[in-house]
Every structure is written in structure tokens, then in C-alpha cells.
Amino acid sequence: INNTSAVENVNIHISKLGNILTIKSDAAIMHLYLVDVSGKVLVNDRLASVDTTSITLPASGVFVLFLETSQGYIARKVIHN
């Protein structure tokens, strides 16, 4: 997990505890997608412009987390063992 980064002037912090992924952003998160390496969408959540949210990760694997924020789109690779 890439813990802290700035993309499109958005600071994002992603943390993982067990199979819970917590995402914090300084921009409003409006939509969240979690996609596996085959391209299957596992999570597709529309959010009420929140700055913090959590999701439960499925079984172990490599995933891509896509966030639509008020400042643009962000993608991060997530590895869950």
C-alpha cells in the first residue's frame, strides 16, 4: 500500500488492518471502486462526499483501488496477503 501521496493536489492516506482498508482524503470521496487483476469490479460504492471511508477486502490478492474525489481520480495498488 502506498500510504501517503499527492495526486491532483489530493493527499490520501490508506491503511490496512486485517482485511479492513481505511481511506482518508483531504478531498471529498464521491465514488470508490475495488478491482481485481482480472478487471472484475469487487466493490462499487457511491459515497456522500466523505473524507474517510472503510471497505472490507475480499480474499488475498492484488487489487486496484480507484477513487473519484472532488479534485479528480486516484488509483492505488493494494496487496492483501
Protein backbone atom coordinates (compact mmCIF):
# COMPACT_ATOMS: atom_id res chain seq x y z
CA ILE A 1 0.00 0.00 0.00
CA ASN A 2 1.28 3.42 -0.90
CA ASN A 3 0.38 5.17 2.38
CA THR A 4 0.60 8.86 1.59
CA SER A 5 0.66 10.54 -1.78
CA ALA A 6 -0.49 13.63 -3.60
CA VAL A 7 -2.25 13.29 -6.96
CA GLU A 8 -4.17 16.16 -8.48
CA ASN A 9 -3.27 18.05 -5.29
CA VAL A 10 -5.15 15.49 -3.16
CA ASN A 11 -3.48 13.98 -0.11
CA ILE A 12 -4.57 10.41 0.52
CA HIS A 13 -3.74 8.05 3.37
CA ILE A 14 -4.56 4.34 3.03
CA SER A 15 -4.13 1.92 5.93
CA LYS A 16 -4.92 -1.76 6.27
CA LEU A 17 -5.71 -3.63 9.48
CA GLY A 18 -6.52 -7.26 8.82
CA ASN A 19 -8.93 -7.25 5.90
CA ILE A 20 -10.23 -3.71 6.58
CA LEU A 21 -8.92 -0.96 4.29
CA THR A 22 -9.37 2.60 5.57
CA ILE A 23 -9.05 5.53 3.17
CA LYS A 24 -8.66 9.14 4.33
CA SER A 25 -8.54 12.05 1.92
CA ASP A 26 -8.34 15.83 2.18
CA ALA A 27 -10.79 15.99 -0.76
CA ALA A 28 -14.32 14.60 -0.67
CA ILE A 29 -14.52 10.97 -1.86
CA MET A 30 -17.59 10.53 -4.02
CA HIS A 31 -17.09 7.10 -5.59
CA LEU A 32 -14.91 4.11 -4.75
CA TYR A 33 -14.15 1.03 -6.85
CA LEU A 34 -12.05 -2.00 -5.95
CA VAL A 35 -10.99 -4.07 -8.97
CA ASP A 36 -9.09 -7.37 -9.06
CA VAL A 37 -6.26 -8.10 -11.50
CA SER A 38 -8.67 -9.73 -13.98
CA GLY A 39 -10.66 -6.47 -14.17
CA LYS A 40 -13.65 -7.67 -12.14
CA VAL A 41 -15.22 -4.90 -10.04
CA LEU A 42 -15.48 -6.23 -6.47
CA VAL A 43 -16.65 -3.05 -4.74
CA ASN A 44 -18.61 -0.22 -6.36
CA ASP A 45 -19.66 2.29 -3.70
CA ARG A 46 -21.18 5.71 -4.25
CA LEU A 47 -20.44 7.84 -1.22
CA ALA A 48 -21.98 11.00 0.21
CA SER A 49 -18.85 13.13 -0.30
CA VAL A 50 -16.97 11.75 2.72
CA ASP A 51 -13.32 12.29 3.63
CA THR A 52 -12.92 8.92 5.39
CA THR A 53 -14.31 5.51 4.48
CA SER A 54 -13.55 1.83 5.04
CA ILE A 55 -14.11 -1.30 2.99
CA THR A 56 -13.64 -4.99 3.67
CA LEU A 57 -11.14 -6.60 1.35
CA PRO A 58 -12.02 -9.95 -0.22
CA ALA A 59 -9.69 -12.95 -0.12
CA SER A 60 -5.97 -12.44 -0.59
CA GLY A 61 -4.81 -10.91 -3.83
CA VAL A 62 -3.69 -7.85 -5.71
CA PHE A 63 -6.30 -5.16 -6.30
CA VAL A 64 -6.56 -1.66 -7.71
CA LEU A 65 -8.43 0.93 -5.68
CA PHE A 66 -9.98 3.71 -7.77
CA LEU A 67 -11.29 6.83 -6.02
CA GLU A 68 -13.32 9.61 -7.57
CA THR A 69 -12.76 12.73 -5.46
CA SER A 70 -13.89 16.31 -5.75
CA GLN A 71 -10.41 17.08 -7.13
CA GLY A 72 -10.03 14.22 -9.64
CA TYR A 73 -9.40 10.50 -9.93
CA ILE A 74 -6.85 8.48 -7.97
CA ALA A 75 -5.73 4.86 -8.44
CA ARG A 76 -3.67 2.83 -5.96
CA LYS A 77 -2.45 -0.77 -5.95
CA VAL A 78 -3.46 -2.76 -2.85
CA ILE A 79 -1.82 -6.07 -1.92
CA HIS A 80 -3.74 -8.21 0.58
CA ASN A 81 -1.99 -11.32 1.93
